[in-house]
Amino acid sequence: MTGLLLIVTGYLLGSIPTSVWIGKSFYGVDVRKHGSRNAGATNTFRVLGKPAGSAVFFIDVAKGFFAVWLVHEFMPRDNDSLFASVKVFAAVAAVLGHVFPMFARFKGGKGVATAFGILIALTPSAAFVCFAIFLIIWLAFHYVSLGSIVAAVFYPLIQYFLDPGQDEIILIFTILLSLTVILSHRKNISRLLNGVETKTYAFRSKQGKKS
């Protein structure tokens, strides 16, 4: 029962529509009606600016982190396999909550920031290597989506290399999470291939082509 409650809690945490609530509460704007129409941190940066985008990013990261942290705090550890399984299912539930939030008519973001929070709690070393890859790609090419996709592709390999003796369910999770992030960016992949993806600059306001 504890495990099930923690998994449900993970989904509820993920379902907090940070960008929608911040946009409507402080700016009177629904980010889902502007820019790429995505309820995530990147579109919030574009539509509402860096303060709002930063707030959304860090809160979305926290959602994923705490979904796993709560399992560490409250799940009994008398069964290692069950403990690992609940962590993974709570993590998956948090991502699903972000992508399909019950508090925002099941229309959410792509789950990248929430997934990063999960990685910090679940596989911290791989998380920071992936974040470094994301930053390098983003700063070099100015595409947030491309950085996210490349980091997702390499995540399972990085985690396996750093922890070859990991629990099998963690390995399965890394692959599924990677595929989920890539599939959630399928429209971005199409825009990248067609040369019409929006560029996002870290240190200046200039934008590329409109998505």
Protein backbone atom coordinates (compact mmCIF):
# COMPACT_ATOMS: atom_id res chain seq x y z
CA MET A 1 0.00 0.00 0.00
CA THR A 2 2.85 2.40 0.84
CA GLY A 3 4.41 1.78 -2.55
CA LEU A 4 1.14 2.47 -4.38
CA LEU A 5 0.59 5.70 -2.47
CA LEU A 6 4.11 6.86 -3.30
CA ILE A 7 3.57 6.11 -6.99
CA VAL A 8 0.29 8.05 -6.98
CA THR A 9 2.05 10.89 -5.15
CA GLY A 10 4.70 10.90 -7.87
CA TYR A 11 2.01 11.37 -10.49
CA LEU A 12 0.34 14.16 -8.51
CA LEU A 13 3.66 15.98 -8.10
CA GLY A 14 4.32 15.67 -11.81
CA SER A 15 0.83 16.95 -12.55
CA ILE A 16 1.52 20.36 -11.02
CA PRO A 17 1.32 22.56 -14.17
CA THR A 18 4.02 25.00 -13.10
CA SER A 19 4.22 27.04 -16.29
CA VAL A 20 0.44 27.35 -16.57
CA TRP A 21 -0.06 28.44 -12.96
CA ILE A 22 2.86 30.89 -12.95
CA GLY A 23 1.86 32.31 -16.32
CA LYS A 24 -1.76 32.86 -15.34
CA SER A 25 -1.13 33.97 -11.74
CA PHE A 26 1.70 36.46 -12.30
CA TYR A 27 1.47 37.44 -15.98
CA GLY A 28 -2.14 36.80 -16.96
CA VAL A 29 -0.85 34.61 -19.79
CA ASP A 30 -1.54 30.99 -20.68
CA VAL A 31 1.74 29.80 -22.21
CA ARG A 32 -0.16 27.04 -24.00
CA LYS A 33 -1.62 29.71 -26.29
CA HIS A 34 1.69 31.32 -27.23
CA GLY A 35 5.06 30.42 -28.73
CA SER A 36 5.33 26.68 -29.28
CA ARG A 37 2.16 26.25 -27.14
CA ASN A 38 4.04 23.83 -24.93
CA ALA A 39 3.55 23.96 -21.15
CA GLY A 40 7.21 23.64 -20.29
CA ALA A 41 10.18 25.68 -19.13
CA THR A 42 11.59 26.38 -22.61
CA ASN A 43 8.39 27.91 -23.93
CA THR A 44 8.01 29.86 -20.67
CA PHE A 45 11.47 31.35 -21.25
CA ARG A 46 10.41 32.42 -24.74
CA VAL A 47 6.98 33.77 -23.84
CA LEU A 48 7.46 35.21 -20.34
CA GLY A 49 11.21 35.73 -20.03
CA LYS A 50 14.08 34.41 -17.95
CA PRO A 51 12.69 34.98 -14.39
CA ALA A 52 9.50 33.03 -15.13
CA GLY A 53 11.32 30.42 -17.19
CA SER A 54 13.91 29.87 -14.47
CA ALA A 55 11.21 29.48 -11.82
CA VAL A 56 9.35 26.94 -13.94
CA PHE A 57 12.54 25.00 -14.67
CA PHE A 58 13.62 24.68 -11.04
CA ILE A 59 10.14 23.78 -9.79
CA ASP A 60 9.73 21.17 -12.53
CA VAL A 61 13.13 19.70 -11.61
CA ALA A 62 12.04 19.63 -7.96
CA LYS A 63 8.87 17.72 -8.89
CA GLY A 64 10.90 14.86 -10.31
CA PHE A 65 13.47 14.92 -7.52
CA PHE A 66 10.92 14.75 -4.72
CA ALA A 67 8.92 11.99 -6.44
CA VAL A 68 11.97 9.74 -5.94
CA TRP A 69 13.13 11.29 -2.65
CA LEU A 70 9.78 10.49 -1.00
CA VAL A 71 10.32 6.82 -1.83
CA HIS A 72 13.74 6.95 -0.17
CA GLU A 73 12.19 8.51 2.92
CA PHE A 74 9.01 6.48 3.37
CA MET A 75 9.35 3.16 1.53
CA PRO A 76 10.48 0.22 3.71
CA ARG A 77 13.78 -1.26 2.49
CA ASP A 78 13.26 -4.86 3.59
CA ASN A 79 12.94 -5.88 -0.07
CA ASP A 80 15.61 -4.35 -2.34
CA SER A 81 13.88 -5.37 -5.56
CA LEU A 82 10.55 -3.90 -4.46
CA PHE A 83 12.25 -0.71 -3.23
CA ALA A 84 13.97 -0.22 -6.61
CA SER A 85 10.73 -0.96 -8.46
CA VAL A 86 8.73 1.60 -6.49
CA LYS A 87 11.42 4.23 -7.13
CA VAL A 88 11.23 3.58 -10.85
CA PHE A 89 7.42 3.53 -11.00
CA ALA A 90 7.20 6.73 -8.96
CA ALA A 91 9.69 8.32 -11.35
CA VAL A 92 7.72 7.18 -14.40
CA ALA A 93 4.51 8.43 -12.78
CA ALA A 94 6.07 11.88 -12.25
CA VAL A 95 7.05 12.17 -15.90
CA LEU A 96 3.61 10.98 -17.01
CA GLY A 97 2.08 13.51 -14.65
CA HIS A 98 4.08 16.31 -16.24
CA VAL A 99 3.22 15.23 -19.78
CA PHE A 100 -0.43 14.44 -18.93
CA PRO A 101 -1.26 16.62 -15.87
CA MET A 102 -4.64 16.00 -14.28
CA PHE A 103 -4.63 19.63 -13.05
CA ALA A 104 -4.34 21.04 -16.59
CA ARG A 105 -6.71 18.92 -18.66
CA PHE A 106 -3.93 16.40 -19.37
CA LYS A 107 -2.05 18.84 -21.63
CA GLY A 108 1.45 19.33 -20.24
CA GLY A 109 5.08 19.73 -21.28
CA LYS A 110 7.66 17.32 -22.62
CA GLY A 111 8.92 16.26 -19.19
CA VAL A 112 12.61 17.05 -19.67
CA ALA A 113 13.07 19.20 -16.53
CA THR A 114 11.08 16.75 -14.42
CA ALA A 115 13.11 13.87 -15.85
CA PHE A 116 16.30 15.71 -14.93
CA GLY A 117 15.09 16.00 -11.33
CA ILE A 118 14.43 12.27 -11.33
CA LEU A 119 17.92 11.59 -12.67
CA ILE A 120 19.49 13.70 -9.92
CA ALA A 121 17.72 11.59 -7.28
CA LEU A 122 17.99 8.21 -9.01
CA THR A 123 21.24 8.29 -11.02
CA PRO A 124 23.05 11.51 -9.97
CA SER A 125 26.37 10.92 -11.75
CA ALA A 126 24.67 10.17 -15.07
CA ALA A 127 22.37 13.16 -14.53
CA PHE A 128 25.20 15.66 -14.38
CA VAL A 129 27.04 14.11 -17.33
CA CYS A 130 23.84 14.35 -19.36
CA PHE A 131 23.32 17.94 -18.22
CA ALA A 132 26.85 18.78 -19.41
CA ILE A 133 26.06 17.21 -22.80
CA PHE A 134 22.82 19.20 -22.97
CA LEU A 135 24.62 22.46 -22.19
CA ILE A 136 27.35 21.84 -24.77
CA ILE A 137 24.83 21.10 -27.53
CA TRP A 138 22.56 24.00 -26.58
CA LEU A 139 25.35 26.57 -26.33
CA ALA A 140 26.92 25.35 -29.56
CA PHE A 141 23.79 25.16 -31.70
CA HIS A 142 21.20 27.19 -29.70
CA TYR A 143 18.56 24.46 -29.87
CA VAL A 144 17.21 23.38 -26.48
CA SER A 145 15.36 20.52 -28.13
CA LEU A 146 18.51 19.18 -29.79
CA GLY A 147 20.40 19.28 -26.49
CA SER A 148 17.59 17.39 -24.77
CA ILE A 149 17.40 14.76 -27.51
CA VAL A 150 21.15 14.13 -27.61
CA ALA A 151 21.36 13.90 -23.81
CA ALA A 152 18.43 11.45 -23.81
CA VAL A 153 20.08 9.26 -26.46
CA PHE A 154 23.28 8.93 -24.43
CA TYR A 155 21.67 8.61 -20.97
CA PRO A 156 21.27 4.78 -20.89
CA LEU A 157 24.83 4.28 -22.16
CA ILE A 158 26.28 6.73 -19.64
CA GLN A 159 24.39 5.17 -16.73
CA TYR A 160 25.45 1.65 -17.78
CA PHE A 161 29.09 2.73 -18.09
CA LEU A 162 29.07 4.47 -14.69
CA ASP A 163 27.22 1.65 -12.90
CA PRO A 164 27.50 -1.64 -14.85
CA GLY A 165 26.23 -3.62 -11.85
CA GLN A 166 23.00 -1.66 -11.52
CA ASP A 167 19.63 -3.25 -10.79
CA GLU A 168 18.03 -4.51 -14.02
CA ILE A 169 14.90 -2.41 -13.50
CA ILE A 170 17.03 0.75 -13.37
CA LEU A 171 18.57 -0.16 -16.73
CA ILE A 172 15.12 -0.74 -18.21
CA PHE A 173 14.01 2.60 -16.78
CA THR A 174 16.91 4.47 -18.38
CA ILE A 175 16.01 3.06 -21.78
CA LEU A 176 12.29 3.79 -21.41
CA LEU A 177 12.94 7.33 -20.16
CA SER A 178 15.30 7.96 -23.06
CA LEU A 179 12.67 6.77 -25.55
CA THR A 180 9.95 8.82 -23.84
CA VAL A 181 11.96 12.05 -24.09
CA ILE A 182 12.87 11.37 -27.71
CA LEU A 183 9.27 10.57 -28.69
CA SER A 184 7.96 13.65 -26.88
CA HIS A 185 10.27 15.69 -29.14
CA ARG A 186 9.09 14.15 -32.41
CA LYS A 187 7.66 17.49 -33.64
CA ASN A 188 10.93 19.21 -32.71
CA ILE A 189 12.86 16.56 -34.64
CA SER A 190 10.72 17.27 -37.69
CA ARG A 191 11.33 21.03 -37.34
CA LEU A 192 15.06 20.46 -36.87
CA LEU A 193 15.23 18.37 -40.04
CA ASN A 194 13.28 21.05 -41.93
CA GLY A 195 15.40 23.89 -40.53
CA VAL A 196 12.51 25.71 -38.86
CA GLU A 197 13.09 24.92 -35.19
CA THR A 198 13.21 27.91 -32.84
CA LYS A 199 16.62 28.89 -31.50
CA THR A 200 16.98 29.89 -27.85
CA TYR A 201 20.02 31.91 -26.83
CA ALA A 202 21.46 31.70 -23.32
CA PHE A 203 23.06 35.13 -23.21
CA ARG A 204 21.09 37.28 -25.64
CA SER A 205 17.48 37.75 -26.63
CA LYS A 206 17.82 37.13 -30.36
CA GLN A 207 15.57 34.33 -31.56
CA GLY A 208 15.74 32.11 -34.57
CA LYS A 209 12.90 31.00 -36.77
CA LYS A 210 9.51 30.74 -35.18
CA SER A 211 8.37 27.22 -34.34
